[in-house]
Amino acid sequence: MEQTNAIGLRASAGRYGGTYAHKDIAFEFGMWISPEFKVYLIKEFQRLKDAENDRLRLEWNLQRTLAKVNYRIHTDAIKDALLPAAVTKAQAAIVYANEADMLNVALFGI
């Protein structure tokens, strides 16, 4: 009760009565009463975390695909607009790196 700043369990009778408790206290009580409840709670938490990770993984894959497409557009634009015809591979790499750095600063502030 001290850790959650809860009063504890509250039971009331009547039409809208029932037993109420802070969720942490209720879970601990349920796990103490029934080992099945504890296993169910742990499995449900794991399922929710897996679903959250799947959602984040999809979002990450989408961002990765967009970055890949944008990279191709970006490098083609540099090749067409910024690179002179007579440039060595090392000089071209420097131009690409400078443009990538500028793009990272513009988009991400890094």
C-alpha atoms as a PDB file:
ATOM      1  CA  MET A   1       0.000   0.000   0.000  1.00  0.00           C
ATOM      2  CA  GLU A   2       2.871   2.371   0.730  1.00  0.00           C
ATOM      3  CA  GLN A   3       4.497   1.840  -2.672  1.00  0.00           C
ATOM      4  CA  THR A   4       1.308   2.506  -4.639  1.00  0.00           C
ATOM      5  CA  ASN A   5      -0.176   5.175  -2.325  1.00  0.00           C
ATOM      6  CA  ALA A   6      -3.336   3.078  -2.213  1.00  0.00           C
ATOM      7  CA  ILE A   7      -5.738   2.712   0.674  1.00  0.00           C
ATOM      8  CA  GLY A   8      -5.919  -1.030   0.171  1.00  0.00           C
ATOM      9  CA  LEU A   9      -8.980  -3.121  -0.524  1.00  0.00           C
ATOM     10  CA  ARG A  10     -12.375  -1.507  -0.212  1.00  0.00           C
ATOM     11  CA  ALA A  11     -15.521  -3.576  -0.010  1.00  0.00           C
ATOM     12  CA  SER A  12     -18.972  -2.040  -0.069  1.00  0.00           C
ATOM     13  CA  ALA A  13     -22.407  -3.586  -0.027  1.00  0.00           C
ATOM     14  CA  GLY A  14     -25.500  -2.476  -1.842  1.00  0.00           C
ATOM     15  CA  ARG A  15     -26.609  -1.850  -5.381  1.00  0.00           C
ATOM     16  CA  TYR A  16     -23.268  -0.475  -6.655  1.00  0.00           C
ATOM     17  CA  GLY A  17     -21.200  -2.334  -4.143  1.00  0.00           C
ATOM     18  CA  GLY A  18     -18.273  -4.589  -4.734  1.00  0.00           C
ATOM     19  CA  THR A  19     -14.650  -5.025  -3.882  1.00  0.00           C
ATOM     20  CA  TYR A  20     -12.240  -2.452  -5.235  1.00  0.00           C
ATOM     21  CA  ALA A  21      -8.465  -2.220  -5.084  1.00  0.00           C
ATOM     22  CA  HIS A  22      -5.538  -0.575  -6.785  1.00  0.00           C
ATOM     23  CA  LYS A  23      -4.625  -2.666  -9.850  1.00  0.00           C
ATOM     24  CA  ASP A  24      -1.198  -3.610  -8.443  1.00  0.00           C
ATOM     25  CA  ILE A  25      -2.748  -4.816  -5.204  1.00  0.00           C
ATOM     26  CA  ALA A  26      -5.501  -6.668  -7.085  1.00  0.00           C
ATOM     27  CA  PHE A  27      -2.974  -8.448  -9.327  1.00  0.00           C
ATOM     28  CA  GLU A  28      -0.817  -9.440  -6.374  1.00  0.00           C
ATOM     29  CA  PHE A  29      -3.896 -10.709  -4.512  1.00  0.00           C
ATOM     30  CA  GLY A  30      -5.054 -12.655  -7.596  1.00  0.00           C
ATOM     31  CA  MET A  31      -1.616 -14.226  -8.039  1.00  0.00           C
ATOM     32  CA  TRP A  32      -1.552 -15.183  -4.359  1.00  0.00           C
ATOM     33  CA  ILE A  33      -5.000 -16.803  -4.563  1.00  0.00           C
ATOM     34  CA  SER A  34      -4.512 -18.641  -7.864  1.00  0.00           C
ATOM     35  CA  PRO A  35      -1.320 -19.825  -9.553  1.00  0.00           C
ATOM     36  CA  GLU A  36      -3.379 -20.174 -12.758  1.00  0.00           C
ATOM     37  CA  PHE A  37      -4.126 -16.455 -12.620  1.00  0.00           C
ATOM     38  CA  LYS A  38      -0.410 -15.693 -12.275  1.00  0.00           C
ATOM     39  CA  VAL A  39       0.453 -17.827 -15.316  1.00  0.00           C
ATOM     40  CA  TYR A  40      -2.417 -16.281 -17.293  1.00  0.00           C
ATOM     41  CA  LEU A  41      -1.285 -12.758 -16.380  1.00  0.00           C
ATOM     42  CA  ILE A  42       2.323 -13.456 -17.383  1.00  0.00           C
ATOM     43  CA  LYS A  43       1.302 -15.056 -20.689  1.00  0.00           C
ATOM     44  CA  GLU A  44      -1.038 -12.172 -21.504  1.00  0.00           C
ATOM     45  CA  PHE A  45       1.690  -9.639 -20.756  1.00  0.00           C
ATOM     46  CA  GLN A  46       4.077 -11.531 -23.039  1.00  0.00           C
ATOM     47  CA  ARG A  47       1.441 -11.603 -25.790  1.00  0.00           C
ATOM     48  CA  LEU A  48       0.916  -7.849 -25.517  1.00  0.00           C
ATOM     49  CA  LYS A  49       4.670  -7.182 -25.633  1.00  0.00           C
ATOM     50  CA  ASP A  50       5.023  -9.428 -28.699  1.00  0.00           C
ATOM     51  CA  ALA A  51       2.155  -7.607 -30.437  1.00  0.00           C
ATOM     52  CA  GLU A  52       3.782  -4.268 -29.604  1.00  0.00           C
ATOM     53  CA  ASN A  53       7.132  -5.460 -30.964  1.00  0.00           C
ATOM     54  CA  ASP A  54       5.498  -6.719 -34.168  1.00  0.00           C
ATOM     55  CA  ARG A  55       3.857  -3.325 -34.677  1.00  0.00           C
ATOM     56  CA  LEU A  56       7.147  -1.516 -34.084  1.00  0.00           C
ATOM     57  CA  ARG A  57       9.001  -3.919 -36.367  1.00  0.00           C
ATOM     58  CA  LEU A  58       6.537  -3.205 -39.191  1.00  0.00           C
ATOM     59  CA  GLU A  59       6.953   0.526 -38.640  1.00  0.00           C
ATOM     60  CA  TRP A  60      10.742   0.131 -38.699  1.00  0.00           C
ATOM     61  CA  ASN A  61      10.602  -1.905 -41.938  1.00  0.00           C
ATOM     62  CA  LEU A  62       8.424   0.751 -43.548  1.00  0.00           C
ATOM     63  CA  GLN A  63      10.884   3.488 -42.556  1.00  0.00           C
ATOM     64  CA  ARG A  64      13.756   1.366 -43.837  1.00  0.00           C
ATOM     65  CA  THR A  65      12.024   0.840 -47.202  1.00  0.00           C
ATOM     66  CA  LEU A  66      11.276   4.551 -47.539  1.00  0.00           C
ATOM     67  CA  ALA A  67      14.886   5.402 -46.717  1.00  0.00           C
ATOM     68  CA  LYS A  68      16.076   2.924 -49.357  1.00  0.00           C
ATOM     69  CA  VAL A  69      13.846   4.454 -52.042  1.00  0.00           C
ATOM     70  CA  ASN A  70      14.766   7.990 -51.039  1.00  0.00           C
ATOM     71  CA  TYR A  71      18.470   7.090 -51.063  1.00  0.00           C
ATOM     72  CA  ARG A  72      18.215   5.976 -54.686  1.00  0.00           C
ATOM     73  CA  ILE A  73      16.391   9.195 -55.645  1.00  0.00           C
ATOM     74  CA  HIS A  74      18.922  11.259 -53.702  1.00  0.00           C
ATOM     75  CA  THR A  75      21.997   9.643 -55.255  1.00  0.00           C
ATOM     76  CA  ASP A  76      20.544   9.895 -58.766  1.00  0.00           C
ATOM     77  CA  ALA A  77      19.827  13.596 -58.222  1.00  0.00           C
ATOM     78  CA  ILE A  78      23.398  14.182 -57.013  1.00  0.00           C
ATOM     79  CA  LYS A  79      24.797  12.342 -60.023  1.00  0.00           C
ATOM     80  CA  ASP A  80      22.640  14.331 -62.461  1.00  0.00           C
ATOM     81  CA  ALA A  81      22.891  17.785 -60.885  1.00  0.00           C
ATOM     82  CA  LEU A  82      26.046  18.098 -58.800  1.00  0.00           C
ATOM     83  CA  LEU A  83      28.778  15.848 -60.148  1.00  0.00           C
ATOM     84  CA  PRO A  84      30.938  17.265 -62.919  1.00  0.00           C
ATOM     85  CA  ALA A  85      31.691  14.912 -65.811  1.00  0.00           C
ATOM     86  CA  ALA A  86      35.397  14.486 -65.076  1.00  0.00           C
ATOM     87  CA  VAL A  87      35.511  13.360 -61.450  1.00  0.00           C
ATOM     88  CA  THR A  88      37.337  10.459 -59.826  1.00  0.00           C
ATOM     89  CA  LYS A  89      35.508   7.916 -57.692  1.00  0.00           C
ATOM     90  CA  ALA A  90      37.102   9.334 -54.543  1.00  0.00           C
ATOM     91  CA  GLN A  91      35.938  12.868 -55.395  1.00  0.00           C
ATOM     92  CA  ALA A  92      32.436  11.577 -56.189  1.00  0.00           C
ATOM     93  CA  ALA A  93      32.338   9.752 -52.840  1.00  0.00           C
ATOM     94  CA  ILE A  94      33.151  13.011 -51.040  1.00  0.00           C
ATOM     95  CA  VAL A  95      30.329  14.828 -52.869  1.00  0.00           C
ATOM     96  CA  TYR A  96      27.865  12.030 -52.001  1.00  0.00           C
ATOM     97  CA  ALA A  97      28.989  12.045 -48.338  1.00  0.00           C
ATOM     98  CA  ASN A  98      28.667  15.835 -48.044  1.00  0.00           C
ATOM     99  CA  GLU A  99      25.166  15.770 -49.505  1.00  0.00           C
ATOM    100  CA  ALA A 100      24.149  12.871 -47.240  1.00  0.00           C
ATOM    101  CA  ASP A 101      25.454  14.805 -44.215  1.00  0.00           C
ATOM    102  CA  MET A 102      23.488  17.885 -45.256  1.00  0.00           C
ATOM    103  CA  LEU A 103      20.342  15.797 -45.718  1.00  0.00           C
ATOM    104  CA  ASN A 104      20.772  14.193 -42.259  1.00  0.00           C
ATOM    105  CA  VAL A 105      21.157  17.617 -40.661  1.00  0.00           C
ATOM    106  CA  ALA A 106      18.109  18.952 -42.496  1.00  0.00           C
ATOM    107  CA  LEU A 107      15.879  15.979 -41.674  1.00  0.00           C
ATOM    108  CA  PHE A 108      17.100  14.730 -38.304  1.00  0.00           C
ATOM    109  CA  GLY A 109      19.234  17.550 -36.898  1.00  0.00           C
ATOM    110  CA  ILE A 110      22.221  15.167 -36.751  1.00  0.00           C
END
